[in-house]
Protein backbone atom coordinates (compact mmCIF):
# COMPACT_ATOMS: atom_id res chain seq x y z
CA MET A 1 0.00 0.00 0.00
CA ARG A 2 1.13 3.53 -0.77
CA LEU A 3 0.40 6.66 1.20
CA ALA A 4 -2.07 8.69 -0.86
CA LYS A 5 -3.03 11.45 1.57
CA LEU A 6 -2.39 12.63 5.12
CA GLU A 7 -4.55 15.29 6.76
CA ILE A 8 -4.27 16.66 10.28
CA GLU A 9 -6.53 19.48 11.39
CA ARG A 10 -7.12 21.34 14.64
CA MET A 11 -10.85 21.36 15.13
CA LYS A 12 -12.32 24.85 15.47
CA TYR A 13 -15.70 24.02 16.98
CA GLY A 14 -17.85 21.21 18.29
CA PRO A 15 -17.11 18.57 20.92
CA SER A 16 -13.54 18.10 19.61
CA LYS A 17 -12.75 21.84 19.62
CA ASP A 18 -8.98 22.53 19.84
CA GLN A 19 -8.12 18.85 19.37
CA TYR A 20 -6.10 17.56 16.46
CA LEU A 21 -7.89 14.98 14.35
CA GLY A 22 -6.85 13.50 11.08
CA HIS A 23 -7.18 10.93 8.34
CA ILE A 24 -4.56 8.94 6.53
CA LYS A 25 -5.38 7.33 3.20
CA PHE A 26 -3.53 4.46 1.54
CA ASP A 27 -4.20 3.00 -1.87
CA ASP A 28 -3.17 0.09 -4.05
CA GLU A 29 -4.56 -1.86 -6.97
CA HIS A 30 -7.32 -3.29 -4.75
CA GLY A 31 -8.72 0.04 -3.55
CA ASP A 32 -8.36 2.64 -0.82
CA VAL A 33 -8.11 2.38 2.95
CA THR A 34 -8.74 5.40 5.16
CA VAL A 35 -7.86 5.42 8.86
CA LYS A 36 -9.08 8.01 11.37
CA LEU A 37 -6.28 9.49 13.48
CA SER A 38 -6.94 10.32 17.12
CA GLU A 39 -5.32 13.30 18.82
CA ASP A 40 -2.72 10.94 20.32
CA ASP A 41 -1.97 9.56 16.83
CA CYS A 42 -1.49 13.11 15.54
CA TYR A 43 0.94 13.94 18.36
CA LYS A 44 2.93 10.78 17.58
CA LEU A 45 3.25 11.96 13.98
CA PHE A 46 4.28 15.44 15.16
CA GLU A 47 7.10 13.83 17.15
CA VAL A 48 8.33 12.04 14.03
CA ILE A 49 8.14 15.03 11.66
CA GLY A 50 8.82 17.85 14.14
CA ASP A 51 12.53 18.25 13.34
CA ALA A 52 11.85 18.27 9.59
CA VAL A 53 9.14 20.92 10.00
CA ILE A 54 11.51 23.10 12.04
CA ALA A 55 14.31 22.69 9.48
CA THR A 56 11.97 23.58 6.62
CA ALA A 57 10.67 26.65 8.47
CA LYS A 58 14.25 27.81 9.14
CA GLU A 59 15.17 27.34 5.48
CA ALA A 60 12.08 29.27 4.35
CA ALA A 61 12.88 32.10 6.78
CA SER A 62 16.50 32.21 5.56
CA ASN A 63 15.41 32.31 1.92
CA LEU A 64 12.94 35.09 2.65
CA THR A 65 15.56 37.06 4.57
CA CYS A 66 18.06 36.67 1.70
CA ALA A 67 15.45 37.81 -0.81
CA ILE A 68 14.70 40.92 1.27
CA ILE A 69 18.41 41.74 1.64
CA GLU A 70 18.98 41.30 -2.11
CA HIS A 71 15.92 43.41 -2.82
CA LYS A 72 17.26 46.24 -0.63
CA ALA A 73 20.77 45.88 -2.11
CA LYS A 74 19.35 46.57 -5.56
CA GLY A 75 17.96 49.84 -4.23
CA ILE A 76 14.36 48.92 -4.88
CA SER A 77 12.02 50.73 -2.54
CA ARG A 78 8.31 50.36 -1.99
CA ASP A 79 8.00 53.98 -0.84
């Protein structure tokens, strides 16, 4: 089976308000399987991917900072 989709969402209202809930979908030649993820399941996934998310956020921030510095170095102003 191959991972087809992973969704994790913080619920905004209802009995599960402020909890993380999710679904993970796998597929193969025989069809699809979808599994509901509890809040505990979501936190376990966060533990696994946390370092990668932080590294990606740092890289994005660095790229944005470099773009701003280059933009200012070219003397382009929004004023």
